[in-house]
């Protein structure tokens, strides 16, 4: 049970990092696409 509680405490933190990384990638990609569309 002790391992399960520690995992339940760590999982939201890892999920938060995953979401922030995903948003970062989407933001960079959209910025590049916008730059390409405005440049073309």
PDB file of N, CA and C in Angstrom:
ATOM      1  N   UNK A   1       0.834  -1.204   0.000  1.00  0.00           N
ATOM      2  CA  UNK A   1       0.000   0.000   0.000  1.00  0.00           C
ATOM      3  C   UNK A   1       0.874   1.262   0.000  1.00  0.00           C
ATOM      4  N   UNK A   2       2.037   1.156   0.623  1.00  0.00           N
ATOM      5  CA  UNK A   2       2.896   2.339   0.702  1.00  0.00           C
ATOM      6  C   UNK A   2       3.363   2.760  -0.695  1.00  0.00           C
ATOM      7  N   UNK A   3       3.701   1.784  -1.549  1.00  0.00           N
ATOM      8  CA  UNK A   3       4.133   2.110  -2.904  1.00  0.00           C
ATOM      9  C   UNK A   3       2.995   2.754  -3.693  1.00  0.00           C
ATOM     10  N   UNK A   4       1.768   2.276  -3.463  1.00  0.00           N
ATOM     11  CA  UNK A   4       0.632   2.800  -4.216  1.00  0.00           C
ATOM     12  C   UNK A   4       0.377   4.267  -3.856  1.00  0.00           C
ATOM     13  N   UNK A   5       0.508   4.621  -2.583  1.00  0.00           N
ATOM     14  CA  UNK A   5       0.274   6.013  -2.188  1.00  0.00           C
ATOM     15  C   UNK A   5       1.364   6.924  -2.758  1.00  0.00           C
ATOM     16  N   UNK A   6       2.609   6.470  -2.771  1.00  0.00           N
ATOM     17  CA  UNK A   6       3.681   7.303  -3.312  1.00  0.00           C
ATOM     18  C   UNK A   6       3.492   7.484  -4.821  1.00  0.00           C
ATOM     19  N   UNK A   7       3.019   6.425  -5.501  1.00  0.00           N
ATOM     20  CA  UNK A   7       2.766   6.532  -6.938  1.00  0.00           C
ATOM     21  C   UNK A   7       1.631   7.516  -7.196  1.00  0.00           C
ATOM     22  N   UNK A   8       0.599   7.481  -6.364  1.00  0.00           N
ATOM     23  CA  UNK A   8      -0.531   8.397  -6.557  1.00  0.00           C
ATOM     24  C   UNK A   8      -0.122   9.840  -6.280  1.00  0.00           C
ATOM     25  N   UNK A   9       0.943  10.041  -5.520  1.00  0.00           N
ATOM     26  CA  UNK A   9       1.434  11.401  -5.280  1.00  0.00           C
ATOM     27  C   UNK A   9       2.339  11.868  -6.417  1.00  0.00           C
ATOM     28  N   UNK A  10       3.064  10.944  -7.026  1.00  0.00           N
ATOM     29  CA  UNK A  10       4.011  11.296  -8.085  1.00  0.00           C
ATOM     30  C   UNK A  10       3.312  11.441  -9.440  1.00  0.00           C
ATOM     31  N   UNK A  11       2.270  10.634  -9.672  1.00  0.00           N
ATOM     32  CA  UNK A  11       1.607  10.606 -10.976  1.00  0.00           C
ATOM     33  C   UNK A  11       1.084  11.974 -11.418  1.00  0.00           C
ATOM     34  N   UNK A  12       0.379  12.745 -10.584  1.00  0.00           N
ATOM     35  CA  UNK A  12      -0.091  14.063 -11.041  1.00  0.00           C
ATOM     36  C   UNK A  12       1.048  15.005 -11.421  1.00  0.00           C
ATOM     37  N   UNK A  13       2.182  14.886 -10.745  1.00  0.00           N
ATOM     38  CA  UNK A  13       3.333  15.737 -11.064  1.00  0.00           C
ATOM     39  C   UNK A  13       3.876  15.382 -12.446  1.00  0.00           C
ATOM     40  N   UNK A  14       4.012  14.087 -12.724  1.00  0.00           N
ATOM     41  CA  UNK A  14       4.484  13.654 -14.036  1.00  0.00           C
ATOM     42  C   UNK A  14       3.497  14.065 -15.122  1.00  0.00           C
ATOM     43  N   UNK A  15       2.202  13.930 -14.823  1.00  0.00           N
ATOM     44  CA  UNK A  15       1.176  14.322 -15.788  1.00  0.00           C
ATOM     45  C   UNK A  15       1.255  15.825 -16.066  1.00  0.00           C
ATOM     46  N   UNK A  16       1.524  16.613 -15.024  1.00  0.00           N
ATOM     47  CA  UNK A  16       1.662  18.056 -15.193  1.00  0.00           C
ATOM     48  C   UNK A  16       2.843  18.404 -16.090  1.00  0.00           C
ATOM     49  N   UNK A  17       3.967  17.716 -15.893  1.00  0.00           N
ATOM     50  CA  UNK A  17       5.126  17.941 -16.752  1.00  0.00           C
ATOM     51  C   UNK A  17       4.809  17.560 -18.195  1.00  0.00           C
ATOM     52  N   UNK A  18       4.065  16.450 -18.383  1.00  0.00           N
ATOM     53  CA  UNK A  18       3.693  16.003 -19.726  1.00  0.00           C
ATOM     54  C   UNK A  18       2.810  17.041 -20.410  1.00  0.00           C
ATOM     55  N   UNK A  19       1.835  17.570 -19.678  1.00  0.00           N
ATOM     56  CA  UNK A  19       0.926  18.567 -20.253  1.00  0.00           C
ATOM     57  C   UNK A  19       1.682  19.844 -20.608  1.00  0.00           C
ATOM     58  N   UNK A  20       2.580  20.290 -19.719  1.00  0.00           N
ATOM     59  CA  UNK A  20       3.344  21.511 -19.992  1.00  0.00           C
ATOM     60  C   UNK A  20       4.267  21.320 -21.198  1.00  0.00           C
ATOM     61  N   UNK A  21       4.874  20.153 -21.302  1.00  0.00           N
ATOM     62  CA  UNK A  21       5.734  19.870 -22.446  1.00  0.00           C
ATOM     63  C   UNK A  21       4.942  19.839 -23.742  1.00  0.00           C
ATOM     64  N   UNK A  22       3.737  19.244 -23.685  1.00  0.00           N
ATOM     65  CA  UNK A  22       2.881  19.177 -24.870  1.00  0.00           C
ATOM     66  C   UNK A  22       2.474  20.583 -25.309  1.00  0.00           C
ATOM     67  N   UNK A  23       2.084  21.424 -24.343  1.00  0.00           N
ATOM     68  CA  UNK A  23       1.699  22.811 -24.662  1.00  0.00           C
ATOM     69  C   UNK A  23       2.890  23.573 -25.236  1.00  0.00           C
ATOM     70  N   UNK A  24       4.073  23.305 -24.718  1.00  0.00           N
ATOM     71  CA  UNK A  24       5.279  23.970 -25.211  1.00  0.00           C
ATOM     72  C   UNK A  24       5.530  23.599 -26.668  1.00  0.00           C
ATOM     73  N   UNK A  25       5.407  22.313 -26.997  1.00  0.00           N
ATOM     74  CA  UNK A  25       5.619  21.850 -28.372  1.00  0.00           C
ATOM     75  C   UNK A  25       4.572  22.454 -29.299  1.00  0.00           C
ATOM     76  N   UNK A  26       3.311  22.461 -28.868  1.00  0.00           N
ATOM     77  CA  UNK A  26       2.236  23.019 -29.695  1.00  0.00           C
ATOM     78  C   UNK A  26       2.455  24.518 -29.914  1.00  0.00           C
ATOM     79  N   UNK A  27       2.888  25.222 -28.875  1.00  0.00           N
ATOM     80  CA  UNK A  27       3.136  26.658 -29.007  1.00  0.00           C
ATOM     81  C   UNK A  27       4.266  26.957 -29.981  1.00  0.00           C
ATOM     82  N   UNK A  28       5.349  26.213 -29.893  1.00  0.00           N
ATOM     83  CA  UNK A  28       6.481  26.417 -30.799  1.00  0.00           C
ATOM     84  C   UNK A  28       6.075  26.091 -32.236  1.00  0.00           C
ATOM     85  N   UNK A  29       5.337  24.987 -32.403  1.00  0.00           N
ATOM     86  CA  UNK A  29       4.914  24.578 -33.746  1.00  0.00           C
ATOM     87  C   UNK A  29       3.985  25.611 -34.360  1.00  0.00           C
ATOM     88  N   UNK A  30       3.019  26.089 -33.585  1.00  0.00           N
ATOM     89  CA  UNK A  30       2.073  27.076 -34.119  1.00  0.00           C
ATOM     90  C   UNK A  30       2.795  28.379 -34.462  1.00  0.00           C
ATOM     91  N   UNK A  31       3.802  28.741 -33.686  1.00  0.00           N
ATOM     92  CA  UNK A  31       4.562  29.954 -33.976  1.00  0.00           C
ATOM     93  C   UNK A  31       5.314  29.805 -35.301  1.00  0.00           C
ATOM     94  N   UNK A  32       5.906  28.630 -35.535  1.00  0.00           N
ATOM     95  CA  UNK A  32       6.624  28.399 -36.787  1.00  0.00           C
ATOM     96  C   UNK A  32       5.666  28.384 -37.971  1.00  0.00           C
ATOM     97  N   UNK A  33       4.500  27.764 -37.802  1.00  0.00           N
ATOM     98  CA  UNK A  33       3.519  27.702 -38.890  1.00  0.00           C
ATOM     99  C   UNK A  33       3.018  29.106 -39.220  1.00  0.00           C
ATOM    100  N   UNK A  34       2.748  29.902 -38.190  1.00  0.00           N
ATOM    101  CA  UNK A  34       2.281  31.273 -38.423  1.00  0.00           C
ATOM    102  C   UNK A  34       3.354  32.074 -39.154  1.00  0.00           C
ATOM    103  N   UNK A  35       4.604  31.865 -38.763  1.00  0.00           N
ATOM    104  CA  UNK A  35       5.718  32.574 -39.393  1.00  0.00           C
ATOM    105  C   UNK A  35       5.815  32.186 -40.871  1.00  0.00           C
ATOM    106  N   UNK A  36       5.645  30.902 -41.170  1.00  0.00           N
ATOM    107  CA  UNK A  36       5.706  30.435 -42.556  1.00  0.00           C
ATOM    108  C   UNK A  36       4.552  31.006 -43.374  1.00  0.00           C
ATOM    109  N   UNK A  37       3.353  31.041 -42.794  1.00  0.00           N
ATOM    110  CA  UNK A  37       2.197  31.546 -43.533  1.00  0.00           C
ATOM    111  C   UNK A  37       2.324  33.048 -43.791  1.00  0.00           C
ATOM    112  N   UNK A  38       2.827  33.794 -42.806  1.00  0.00           N
ATOM    113  CA  UNK A  38       2.975  35.237 -42.993  1.00  0.00           C
ATOM    114  C   UNK A  38       4.125  35.541 -43.954  1.00  0.00           C
ATOM    115  N   UNK A  39       5.173  34.716 -43.924  1.00  0.00           N
ATOM    116  CA  UNK A  39       6.316  34.942 -44.798  1.00  0.00           C
ATOM    117  C   UNK A  39       6.008  34.602 -46.247  1.00  0.00           C
ATOM    118  N   UNK A  40       5.108  33.640 -46.454  1.00  0.00           N
ATOM    119  CA  UNK A  40       4.804  33.195 -47.815  1.00  0.00           C
ATOM    120  C   UNK A  40       3.760  34.040 -48.474  1.00  0.00           C
TER     121      UNK A  40
END
